[in-house]
Protein backbone atom coordinates (compact mmCIF):
# COMPACT_ATOMS: atom_id res chain seq x y z
CA MET A 1 0.00 0.00 0.00
CA LYS A 2 2.91 2.36 0.74
CA TRP A 3 4.30 1.95 -2.76
CA LEU A 4 0.94 2.92 -4.23
CA LEU A 5 0.80 6.10 -2.15
CA ARG A 6 4.40 6.96 -3.03
CA SER A 7 3.76 6.33 -6.72
CA ALA A 8 0.67 8.56 -6.67
CA LEU A 9 2.60 11.29 -4.86
CA ALA A 10 5.47 11.03 -7.35
CA LEU A 11 3.04 11.27 -10.29
CA LEU A 12 1.36 14.27 -8.69
CA CYS A 13 4.74 16.00 -8.24
CA ILE A 14 5.65 15.31 -11.88
CA TYR A 15 2.27 16.65 -13.05
CA VAL A 16 2.61 19.84 -10.97
CA ALA A 17 6.18 20.38 -12.22
CA ALA A 18 5.11 19.84 -15.85
CA THR A 19 2.18 22.24 -15.40
CA GLY A 20 4.58 24.82 -13.98
CA PHE A 21 6.93 24.35 -16.92
CA LEU A 22 4.01 24.77 -19.31
CA ALA A 23 3.03 28.03 -17.58
CA TYR A 24 6.64 29.21 -17.81
CA ALA A 25 6.80 28.34 -21.53
CA MET A 26 3.52 30.10 -22.28
CA SER A 27 4.70 33.30 -20.58
CA ARG A 28 7.83 33.54 -22.79
CA PRO A 29 7.95 35.70 -25.93
CA PRO A 30 6.33 34.07 -28.99
CA GLU A 31 9.62 33.02 -30.58
CA ARG A 32 10.81 31.21 -27.45
CA PHE A 33 7.34 29.74 -26.81
CA GLY A 34 7.33 28.31 -30.34
CA GLN A 35 10.76 26.75 -29.86
CA ILE A 36 9.58 25.02 -26.69
CA MET A 37 6.17 23.92 -27.99
CA LYS A 38 7.49 22.38 -31.21
CA ARG A 39 9.17 19.73 -29.06
CA LEU A 40 6.03 18.85 -27.08
CA PRO A 41 3.20 16.64 -28.37
CA GLU A 42 0.11 18.85 -28.80
CA PRO A 43 -2.44 16.18 -27.79
CA LEU A 44 -0.58 15.68 -24.50
CA VAL A 45 -0.28 19.40 -23.76
CA PHE A 46 -3.90 20.25 -24.54
CA GLY A 47 -5.36 16.95 -23.38
CA ALA A 48 -3.63 16.22 -20.09
CA PHE A 49 -2.98 19.75 -18.81
CA PRO A 50 -5.18 22.81 -18.26
CA ALA A 51 -3.46 24.49 -21.23
CA VAL A 52 -6.22 26.93 -22.17
CA PRO A 53 -6.57 28.51 -18.69
CA ILE A 54 -2.77 28.68 -18.39
CA TRP A 55 -2.59 30.35 -21.83
CA MET A 56 -5.26 32.89 -20.86
CA TRP A 57 -3.36 33.67 -17.65
CA ALA A 58 0.03 33.90 -19.38
CA ARG A 59 -1.18 36.15 -22.21
CA GLU A 60 -3.51 38.30 -20.15
CA GLY A 61 -3.06 41.93 -21.09
CA ARG A 62 -1.98 44.44 -18.50
CA LEU A 63 -2.97 47.58 -20.43
CA VAL A 64 -6.08 49.59 -19.73
CA ALA A 65 -7.76 52.26 -21.82
CA GLY A 66 -5.63 55.38 -21.87
CA ASP A 67 -2.29 53.61 -21.34
CA MET A 68 0.49 54.29 -23.80
CA ALA A 69 0.97 51.45 -26.27
CA PRO A 70 4.15 49.43 -25.74
CA ASP A 71 6.86 50.15 -28.28
CA PHE A 72 7.59 47.58 -30.99
CA THR A 73 9.35 47.27 -34.32
CA LEU A 74 7.92 45.48 -37.37
CA SER A 75 9.05 44.84 -40.94
CA THR A 76 7.41 46.86 -43.67
CA HIS A 77 4.95 45.01 -45.90
CA ASP A 78 7.58 44.64 -48.64
CA HIS A 79 10.33 43.69 -46.12
CA SER A 80 12.53 46.57 -47.31
CA GLY A 81 12.91 48.05 -43.84
CA THR A 82 11.42 48.33 -40.38
CA VAL A 83 8.98 50.67 -38.66
CA THR A 84 9.08 51.47 -34.95
CA LEU A 85 5.91 52.65 -33.22
CA SER A 86 7.72 55.18 -31.04
CA SER A 87 9.00 57.00 -34.13
CA PHE A 88 5.43 58.25 -34.72
CA ARG A 89 4.83 59.38 -31.13
CA GLY A 90 3.81 63.04 -31.08
CA HIS A 91 3.81 63.38 -34.89
CA LYS A 92 0.75 61.68 -36.30
CA PRO A 93 -1.97 59.24 -35.20
CA VAL A 94 -1.35 55.53 -35.74
CA VAL A 95 -4.03 52.91 -36.36
CA LEU A 96 -3.07 49.27 -35.82
CA VAL A 97 -5.01 46.64 -37.78
CA PHE A 98 -4.52 42.99 -36.86
CA GLY A 99 -5.92 40.33 -39.13
CA SER A 100 -7.67 40.61 -42.43
CA TYR A 101 -10.04 43.42 -43.27
CA THR A 102 -11.21 41.97 -46.56
């Protein structure tokens, strides 16, 4: 009976550690998150762990209306250069469109 209890406790510890690692991975920047997740089997991650609630927690926004947008740099649509959001600050309004508008 002791071995059964010890085995269950060991499995619980492994599960908690794996869940913690998953939370850590999901809170990393997208590039790092992708590197980690490509090595993990998707059915295991989303089937055996509470992946969706962890994802929602890890990617929860911290901005509220009126906050200044965080600075970022993106490639131009033709990949000939880059554009930094802060370069427009105080000069002209900027509208960000994510996704398709067609």
